[in-house]
Each structure stands twice: as structure tokens, then as C-alpha cells.
Amino acid sequence: MEGFLVSVTLSDDEVKSMEHAARRFCGAFTGTSGTLAGMVLRCLAERKRLLAEVNHLTVELARRDEIRRPLPALAGVPE
């Protein structure tokens, strides 16, 4: 697992700011603002889902790597 890092370029504050701005306009049913707000909210939801999936897969890969690692030799047992 060494060397496998996920870089998240958006800070939590940036994401909160984006969501707040999108929610301001999500009630506008006509015009560009409401449409874009809805799209931004869907993108943020997808981002959250993908980050959760990456985290799950990272844990799963670490678990599999641990399973493949050979067990240490028992002390006092001839080989």
C-alpha cells in the first residue's frame, strides 16, 4: 500500500461554500441558476460517494495485503 495516496484538492471549507451557494439557488425552478445549482449538488453528492468508495477500497487493499504477508516463524520450532 505504500505510495498509494489519494489527493483531494478541495478543502472541506471549499466544499461547504459550494454547497451553500448551490442551495441558495436550488429553489429556482426556471433559469440557469437553478439548473446549475442542481447539477452542483449532484456533483457534490457523487464526490462524497466516490471518496467513500476510495476509502473503502483503500481499507480493503490494506486488508488483502495483510492477509498475503507471510506469518513469522515460530520460536523454538525446527524448520
PDB file of N, CA and C in Angstrom:
ATOM      1  N   MET A   1       0.805  -1.195   0.000  1.00  0.00           N
ATOM      2  CA  MET A   1       0.000   0.000   0.000  1.00  0.00           C
ATOM      3  C   MET A   1       0.851   1.264   0.000  1.00  0.00           C
ATOM      4  N   GLU A   2       2.118   1.153   0.232  1.00  0.00           N
ATOM      5  CA  GLU A   2       2.951   2.342   0.278  1.00  0.00           C
ATOM      6  C   GLU A   2       2.928   3.037  -1.072  1.00  0.00           C
ATOM      7  N   GLY A   3       2.918   4.340  -1.041  1.00  0.00           N
ATOM      8  CA  GLY A   3       2.928   5.119  -2.262  1.00  0.00           C
ATOM      9  C   GLY A   3       1.553   5.341  -2.858  1.00  0.00           C
ATOM     10  N   PHE A   4       0.500   4.769  -2.276  1.00  0.00           N
ATOM     11  CA  PHE A   4      -0.853   4.941  -2.789  1.00  0.00           C
ATOM     12  C   PHE A   4      -1.554   5.995  -1.945  1.00  0.00           C
ATOM     13  N   LEU A   5      -1.550   7.217  -2.460  1.00  0.00           N
ATOM     14  CA  LEU A   5      -2.201   8.308  -1.748  1.00  0.00           C
ATOM     15  C   LEU A   5      -3.257   8.925  -2.639  1.00  0.00           C
ATOM     16  N   VAL A   6      -4.349   9.315  -2.016  1.00  0.00           N
ATOM     17  CA  VAL A   6      -5.403   9.996  -2.747  1.00  0.00           C
ATOM     18  C   VAL A   6      -5.311  11.473  -2.405  1.00  0.00           C
ATOM     19  N   SER A   7      -5.168  12.293  -3.422  1.00  0.00           N
ATOM     20  CA  SER A   7      -5.062  13.724  -3.215  1.00  0.00           C
ATOM     21  C   SER A   7      -6.427  14.364  -3.441  1.00  0.00           C
ATOM     22  N   VAL A   8      -6.926  15.022  -2.443  1.00  0.00           N
ATOM     23  CA  VAL A   8      -8.190  15.724  -2.552  1.00  0.00           C
ATOM     24  C   VAL A   8      -7.867  17.205  -2.642  1.00  0.00           C
ATOM     25  N   THR A   9      -8.191  17.796  -3.765  1.00  0.00           N
ATOM     26  CA  THR A   9      -7.782  19.180  -3.996  1.00  0.00           C
ATOM     27  C   THR A   9      -8.750  20.196  -3.411  1.00  0.00           C
ATOM     28  N   LEU A  10      -9.961  19.786  -3.052  1.00  0.00           N
ATOM     29  CA  LEU A  10     -10.923  20.706  -2.458  1.00  0.00           C
ATOM     30  C   LEU A  10     -10.901  20.564  -0.947  1.00  0.00           C
ATOM     31  N   SER A  11     -10.782  21.690  -0.260  1.00  0.00           N
ATOM     32  CA  SER A  11     -10.819  21.641   1.209  1.00  0.00           C
ATOM     33  C   SER A  11     -12.271  21.475   1.665  1.00  0.00           C
ATOM     34  N   ASP A  12     -12.445  21.087   2.899  1.00  0.00           N
ATOM     35  CA  ASP A  12     -13.792  20.963   3.459  1.00  0.00           C
ATOM     36  C   ASP A  12     -14.525  22.292   3.416  1.00  0.00           C
ATOM     37  N   ASP A  13     -13.812  23.383   3.690  1.00  0.00           N
ATOM     38  CA  ASP A  13     -14.432  24.712   3.650  1.00  0.00           C
ATOM     39  C   ASP A  13     -14.897  25.067   2.239  1.00  0.00           C
ATOM     40  N   GLU A  14     -14.101  24.703   1.231  1.00  0.00           N
ATOM     41  CA  GLU A  14     -14.493  24.973  -0.147  1.00  0.00           C
ATOM     42  C   GLU A  14     -15.751  24.198  -0.528  1.00  0.00           C
ATOM     43  N   VAL A  15     -15.805  22.949  -0.125  1.00  0.00           N
ATOM     44  CA  VAL A  15     -16.972  22.124  -0.432  1.00  0.00           C
ATOM     45  C   VAL A  15     -18.207  22.692   0.262  1.00  0.00           C
ATOM     46  N   LYS A  16     -18.073  23.091   1.530  1.00  0.00           N
ATOM     47  CA  LYS A  16     -19.205  23.682   2.255  1.00  0.00           C
ATOM     48  C   LYS A  16     -19.669  24.962   1.580  1.00  0.00           C
ATOM     49  N   SER A  17     -18.733  25.770   1.135  1.00  0.00           N
ATOM     50  CA  SER A  17     -19.066  27.018   0.453  1.00  0.00           C
ATOM     51  C   SER A  17     -19.802  26.742  -0.855  1.00  0.00           C
ATOM     52  N   MET A  18     -19.349  25.745  -1.601  1.00  0.00           N
ATOM     53  CA  MET A  18     -20.015  25.376  -2.855  1.00  0.00           C
ATOM     54  C   MET A  18     -21.444  24.903  -2.602  1.00  0.00           C
ATOM     55  N   GLU A  19     -21.581  24.057  -1.583  1.00  0.00           N
ATOM     56  CA  GLU A  19     -22.911  23.534  -1.272  1.00  0.00           C
ATOM     57  C   GLU A  19     -23.843  24.657  -0.819  1.00  0.00           C
ATOM     58  N   HIS A  20     -23.331  25.542   0.020  1.00  0.00           N
ATOM     59  CA  HIS A  20     -24.137  26.666   0.500  1.00  0.00           C
ATOM     60  C   HIS A  20     -24.606  27.530  -0.674  1.00  0.00           C
ATOM     61  N   ALA A  21     -23.693  27.850  -1.595  1.00  0.00           N
ATOM     62  CA  ALA A  21     -24.044  28.672  -2.758  1.00  0.00           C
ATOM     63  C   ALA A  21     -25.072  27.956  -3.631  1.00  0.00           C
ATOM     64  N   ALA A  22     -24.889  26.651  -3.840  1.00  0.00           N
ATOM     65  CA  ALA A  22     -25.826  25.893  -4.674  1.00  0.00           C
ATOM     66  C   ALA A  22     -27.201  25.842  -4.029  1.00  0.00           C
ATOM     67  N   ARG A  23     -27.253  25.667  -2.714  1.00  0.00           N
ATOM     68  CA  ARG A  23     -28.550  25.588  -2.026  1.00  0.00           C
ATOM     69  C   ARG A  23     -29.303  26.920  -2.071  1.00  0.00           C
ATOM     70  N   ARG A  24     -28.574  28.028  -2.182  1.00  0.00           N
ATOM     71  CA  ARG A  24     -29.224  29.331  -2.293  1.00  0.00           C
ATOM     72  C   ARG A  24     -30.084  29.410  -3.554  1.00  0.00           C
ATOM     73  N   PHE A  25     -29.649  28.727  -4.612  1.00  0.00           N
ATOM     74  CA  PHE A  25     -30.340  28.825  -5.894  1.00  0.00           C
ATOM     75  C   PHE A  25     -31.109  27.567  -6.285  1.00  0.00           C
ATOM     76  N   CYS A  26     -31.068  26.524  -5.463  1.00  0.00           N
ATOM     77  CA  CYS A  26     -31.684  25.265  -5.885  1.00  0.00           C
ATOM     78  C   CYS A  26     -33.208  25.361  -5.968  1.00  0.00           C
ATOM     79  N   GLY A  27     -33.809  26.352  -5.342  1.00  0.00           N
ATOM     80  CA  GLY A  27     -35.261  26.517  -5.416  1.00  0.00           C
ATOM     81  C   GLY A  27     -35.712  27.239  -6.668  1.00  0.00           C
ATOM     82  N   ALA A  28     -34.772  27.773  -7.443  1.00  0.00           N
ATOM     83  CA  ALA A  28     -35.126  28.473  -8.682  1.00  0.00           C
ATOM     84  C   ALA A  28     -35.421  27.430  -9.757  1.00  0.00           C
ATOM     85  N   PHE A  29     -36.686  27.236 -10.054  1.00  0.00           N
ATOM     86  CA  PHE A  29     -37.067  26.162 -10.976  1.00  0.00           C
ATOM     87  C   PHE A  29     -36.890  26.548 -12.434  1.00  0.00           C
ATOM     88  N   THR A  30     -36.731  27.837 -12.710  1.00  0.00           N
ATOM     89  CA  THR A  30     -36.514  28.251 -14.088  1.00  0.00           C
ATOM     90  C   THR A  30     -35.214  29.029 -14.164  1.00  0.00           C
ATOM     91  N   GLY A  31     -34.607  28.994 -15.312  1.00  0.00           N
ATOM     92  CA  GLY A  31     -33.375  29.747 -15.498  1.00  0.00           C
ATOM     93  C   GLY A  31     -32.140  28.918 -15.214  1.00  0.00           C
ATOM     94  N   THR A  32     -31.016  29.516 -15.519  1.00  0.00           N
ATOM     95  CA  THR A  32     -29.734  28.834 -15.420  1.00  0.00           C
ATOM     96  C   THR A  32     -29.315  28.572 -13.983  1.00  0.00           C
ATOM     97  N   SER A  33     -29.588  29.501 -13.077  1.00  0.00           N
ATOM     98  CA  SER A  33     -29.117  29.366 -11.690  1.00  0.00           C
ATOM     99  C   SER A  33     -29.628  28.105 -11.020  1.00  0.00           C
ATOM    100  N   GLY A  34     -30.906  27.830 -11.134  1.00  0.00           N
ATOM    101  CA  GLY A  34     -31.474  26.635 -10.511  1.00  0.00           C
ATOM    102  C   GLY A  34     -30.946  25.354 -11.126  1.00  0.00           C
ATOM    103  N   THR A  35     -30.803  25.354 -12.439  1.00  0.00           N
ATOM    104  CA  THR A  35     -30.274  24.175 -13.136  1.00  0.00           C
ATOM    105  C   THR A  35     -28.848  23.895 -12.709  1.00  0.00           C
ATOM    106  N   LEU A  36     -28.023  24.929 -12.697  1.00  0.00           N
ATOM    107  CA  LEU A  36     -26.623  24.750 -12.285  1.00  0.00           C
ATOM    108  C   LEU A  36     -26.520  24.367 -10.814  1.00  0.00           C
ATOM    109  N   ALA A  37     -27.364  24.954  -9.979  1.00  0.00           N
ATOM    110  CA  ALA A  37     -27.347  24.609  -8.553  1.00  0.00           C
ATOM    111  C   ALA A  37     -27.642  23.126  -8.367  1.00  0.00           C
ATOM    112  N   GLY A  38     -28.642  22.627  -9.084  1.00  0.00           N
ATOM    113  CA  GLY A  38     -28.971  21.201  -9.000  1.00  0.00           C
ATOM    114  C   GLY A  38     -27.823  20.329  -9.478  1.00  0.00           C
ATOM    115  N   MET A  39     -27.165  20.751 -10.538  1.00  0.00           N
ATOM    116  CA  MET A  39     -26.027  19.996 -11.059  1.00  0.00           C
ATOM    117  C   MET A  39     -24.869  19.987 -10.065  1.00  0.00           C
ATOM    118  N   VAL A  40     -24.609  21.131  -9.444  1.00  0.00           N
ATOM    119  CA  VAL A  40     -23.524  21.213  -8.452  1.00  0.00           C
ATOM    120  C   VAL A  40     -23.827  20.296  -7.271  1.00  0.00           C
ATOM    121  N   LEU A  41     -25.070  20.301  -6.799  1.00  0.00           N
ATOM    122  CA  LEU A  41     -25.430  19.447  -5.665  1.00  0.00           C
ATOM    123  C   LEU A  41     -25.271  17.972  -6.024  1.00  0.00           C
ATOM    124  N   ARG A  42     -25.628  17.599  -7.242  1.00  0.00           N
ATOM    125  CA  ARG A  42     -25.438  16.203  -7.673  1.00  0.00           C
ATOM    126  C   ARG A  42     -23.955  15.867  -7.766  1.00  0.00           C
ATOM    127  N   CYS A  43     -23.145  16.804  -8.280  1.00  0.00           N
ATOM    128  CA  CYS A  43     -21.694  16.578  -8.361  1.00  0.00           C
ATOM    129  C   CYS A  43     -21.091  16.407  -6.962  1.00  0.00           C
ATOM    130  N   LEU A  44     -21.525  17.220  -6.024  1.00  0.00           N
ATOM    131  CA  LEU A  44     -21.007  17.116  -4.655  1.00  0.00           C
ATOM    132  C   LEU A  44     -21.420  15.794  -4.017  1.00  0.00           C
ATOM    133  N   ALA A  45     -22.639  15.346  -4.290  1.00  0.00           N
ATOM    134  CA  ALA A  45     -23.086  14.047  -3.761  1.00  0.00           C
ATOM    135  C   ALA A  45     -22.256  12.912  -4.376  1.00  0.00           C
ATOM    136  N   GLU A  46     -21.977  13.008  -5.676  1.00  0.00           N
ATOM    137  CA  GLU A  46     -21.164  11.986  -6.345  1.00  0.00           C
ATOM    138  C   GLU A  46     -19.738  12.007  -5.819  1.00  0.00           C
ATOM    139  N   ARG A  47     -19.198  13.192  -5.569  1.00  0.00           N
ATOM    140  CA  ARG A  47     -17.859  13.323  -4.995  1.00  0.00           C
ATOM    141  C   ARG A  47     -17.795  12.624  -3.639  1.00  0.00           C
ATOM    142  N   LYS A  48     -18.814  12.846  -2.829  1.00  0.00           N
ATOM    143  CA  LYS A  48     -18.867  12.227  -1.498  1.00  0.00           C
ATOM    144  C   LYS A  48     -18.917  10.699  -1.619  1.00  0.00           C
ATOM    145  N   ARG A  49     -19.728  10.203  -2.567  1.00  0.00           N
ATOM    146  CA  ARG A  49     -19.839   8.761  -2.767  1.00  0.00           C
ATOM    147  C   ARG A  49     -18.507   8.174  -3.236  1.00  0.00           C
ATOM    148  N   LEU A  50     -17.845   8.862  -4.169  1.00  0.00           N
ATOM    149  CA  LEU A  50     -16.570   8.372  -4.688  1.00  0.00           C
ATOM    150  C   LEU A  50     -15.479   8.379  -3.613  1.00  0.00           C
ATOM    151  N   LEU A  51     -15.443   9.418  -2.786  1.00  0.00           N
ATOM    152  CA  LEU A  51     -14.456   9.450  -1.702  1.00  0.00           C
ATOM    153  C   LEU A  51     -14.687   8.316  -0.711  1.00  0.00           C
ATOM    154  N   ALA A  52     -15.950   8.018  -0.423  1.00  0.00           N
ATOM    155  CA  ALA A  52     -16.261   6.896   0.470  1.00  0.00           C
ATOM    156  C   ALA A  52     -15.822   5.574  -0.168  1.00  0.00           C
ATOM    157  N   GLU A  53     -16.038   5.439  -1.474  1.00  0.00           N
ATOM    158  CA  GLU A  53     -15.630   4.216  -2.164  1.00  0.00           C
ATOM    159  C   GLU A  53     -14.108   4.075  -2.184  1.00  0.00           C
ATOM    160  N   VAL A  54     -13.404   5.166  -2.427  1.00  0.00           N
ATOM    161  CA  VAL A  54     -11.940   5.139  -2.399  1.00  0.00           C
ATOM    162  C   VAL A  54     -11.449   4.723  -1.015  1.00  0.00           C
ATOM    163  N   ASN A  55     -12.063   5.272   0.014  1.00  0.00           N
ATOM    164  CA  ASN A  55     -11.676   4.921   1.380  1.00  0.00           C
ATOM    165  C   ASN A  55     -11.919   3.429   1.638  1.00  0.00           C
ATOM    166  N   HIS A  56     -13.072   2.937   1.216  1.00  0.00           N
ATOM    167  CA  HIS A  56     -13.396   1.521   1.398  1.00  0.00           C
ATOM    168  C   HIS A  56     -12.384   0.640   0.658  1.00  0.00           C
ATOM    169  N   LEU A  57     -12.072   0.991  -0.584  1.00  0.00           N
ATOM    170  CA  LEU A  57     -11.126   0.200  -1.367  1.00  0.00           C
ATOM    171  C   LEU A  57      -9.722   0.264  -0.787  1.00  0.00           C
ATOM    172  N   THR A  58      -9.329   1.407  -0.253  1.00  0.00           N
ATOM    173  CA  THR A  58      -8.018   1.537   0.383  1.00  0.00           C
ATOM    174  C   THR A  58      -7.918   0.600   1.583  1.00  0.00           C
ATOM    175  N   VAL A  59      -8.968   0.557   2.383  1.00  0.00           N
ATOM    176  CA  VAL A  59      -9.001  -0.347   3.548  1.00  0.00           C
ATOM    177  C   VAL A  59      -8.979  -1.799   3.085  1.00  0.00           C
ATOM    178  N   GLU A  60      -9.752  -2.107   2.050  1.00  0.00           N
ATOM    179  CA  GLU A  60      -9.799  -3.478   1.533  1.00  0.00           C
ATOM    180  C   GLU A  60      -8.441  -3.913   0.987  1.00  0.00           C
ATOM    181  N   LEU A  61      -7.760  -3.022   0.256  1.00  0.00           N
ATOM    182  CA  LEU A  61      -6.428  -3.364  -0.258  1.00  0.00           C
ATOM    183  C   LEU A  61      -5.436  -3.581   0.878  1.00  0.00           C
ATOM    184  N   ALA A  62      -5.517  -2.767   1.910  1.00  0.00           N
ATOM    185  CA  ALA A  62      -4.628  -2.945   3.061  1.00  0.00           C
ATOM    186  C   ALA A  62      -4.905  -4.283   3.743  1.00  0.00           C
ATOM    187  N   ARG A  63      -6.174  -4.641   3.843  1.00  0.00           N
ATOM    188  CA  ARG A  63      -6.549  -5.921   4.460  1.00  0.00           C
ATOM    189  C   ARG A  63      -6.014  -7.085   3.627  1.00  0.00           C
ATOM    190  N   ARG A  64      -6.163  -6.993   2.313  1.00  0.00           N
ATOM    191  CA  ARG A  64      -5.659  -8.069   1.452  1.00  0.00           C
ATOM    192  C   ARG A  64      -4.142  -8.172   1.507  1.00  0.00           C
ATOM    193  N   ASP A  65      -3.494  -7.015   1.569  1.00  0.00           N
ATOM    194  CA  ASP A  65      -2.032  -7.009   1.682  1.00  0.00           C
ATOM    195  C   ASP A  65      -1.605  -7.682   2.981  1.00  0.00           C
ATOM    196  N   GLU A  66      -2.341  -7.432   4.050  1.00  0.00           N
ATOM    197  CA  GLU A  66      -2.030  -8.037   5.354  1.00  0.00           C
ATOM    198  C   GLU A  66      -2.238  -9.555   5.309  1.00  0.00           C
ATOM    199  N   ILE A  67      -3.260 -10.001   4.608  1.00  0.00           N
ATOM    200  CA  ILE A  67      -3.538 -11.437   4.501  1.00  0.00           C
ATOM    201  C   ILE A  67      -2.414 -12.144   3.735  1.00  0.00           C
ATOM    202  N   ARG A  68      -1.872 -11.499   2.706  1.00  0.00           N
ATOM    203  CA  ARG A  68      -0.817 -12.112   1.892  1.00  0.00           C
ATOM    204  C   ARG A  68       0.533 -12.154   2.578  1.00  0.00           C
ATOM    205  N   ARG A  69       0.717 -11.328   3.592  1.00  0.00           N
ATOM    206  CA  ARG A  69       2.012 -11.270   4.263  1.00  0.00           C
ATOM    207  C   ARG A  69       2.257 -12.591   4.998  1.00  0.00           C
ATOM    208  N   PRO A  70       3.420 -13.212   4.803  1.00  0.00           N
ATOM    209  CA  PRO A  70       3.697 -14.488   5.468  1.00  0.00           C
ATOM    210  C   PRO A  70       3.793 -14.319   6.987  1.00  0.00           C
ATOM    211  N   LEU A  71       3.378 -15.346   7.668  1.00  0.00           N
ATOM    212  CA  LEU A  71       3.444 -15.321   9.133  1.00  0.00           C
ATOM    213  C   LEU A  71       4.901 -15.494   9.574  1.00  0.00           C
ATOM    214  N   PRO A  72       5.261 -14.874  10.685  1.00  0.00           N
ATOM    215  CA  PRO A  72       6.637 -15.049  11.185  1.00  0.00           C
ATOM    216  C   PRO A  72       6.823 -16.485  11.677  1.00  0.00           C
ATOM    217  N   ALA A  73       8.070 -16.948  11.624  1.00  0.00           N
ATOM    218  CA  ALA A  73       8.390 -18.303  12.091  1.00  0.00           C
ATOM    219  C   ALA A  73       8.177 -18.382  13.584  1.00  0.00           C
ATOM    220  N   LEU A  74       7.716 -19.530  14.030  1.00  0.00           N
ATOM    221  CA  LEU A  74       7.513 -19.750  15.465  1.00  0.00           C
ATOM    222  C   LEU A  74       8.860 -19.988  16.129  1.00  0.00           C
ATOM    223  N   ALA A  75       9.041 -19.398  17.282  1.00  0.00           N
ATOM    224  CA  ALA A  75      10.291 -19.571  18.014  1.00  0.00           C
ATOM    225  C   ALA A  75      10.371 -20.993  18.584  1.00  0.00           C
ATOM    226  N   GLY A  76      11.522 -21.600  18.441  1.00  0.00           N
ATOM    227  CA  GLY A  76      11.750 -22.918  19.021  1.00  0.00           C
ATOM    228  C   GLY A  76      11.264 -24.081  18.174  1.00  0.00           C
ATOM    229  N   VAL A  77      10.724 -23.812  16.986  1.00  0.00           N
ATOM    230  CA  VAL A  77      10.239 -24.881  16.124  1.00  0.00           C
ATOM    231  C   VAL A  77      11.242 -25.058  14.991  1.00  0.00           C
ATOM    232  N   PRO A  78      11.795 -26.280  14.843  1.00  0.00           N
ATOM    233  CA  PRO A  78      12.763 -26.501  13.770  1.00  0.00           C
ATOM    234  C   PRO A  78      12.101 -26.336  12.404  1.00  0.00           C
ATOM    235  N   GLU A  79      12.838 -25.795  11.473  1.00  0.00           N
ATOM    236  CA  GLU A  79      12.297 -25.593  10.111  1.00  0.00           C
ATOM    237  C   GLU A  79      12.507 -26.783   9.241  1.00  0.00           C
TER     238      GLU A  79
END
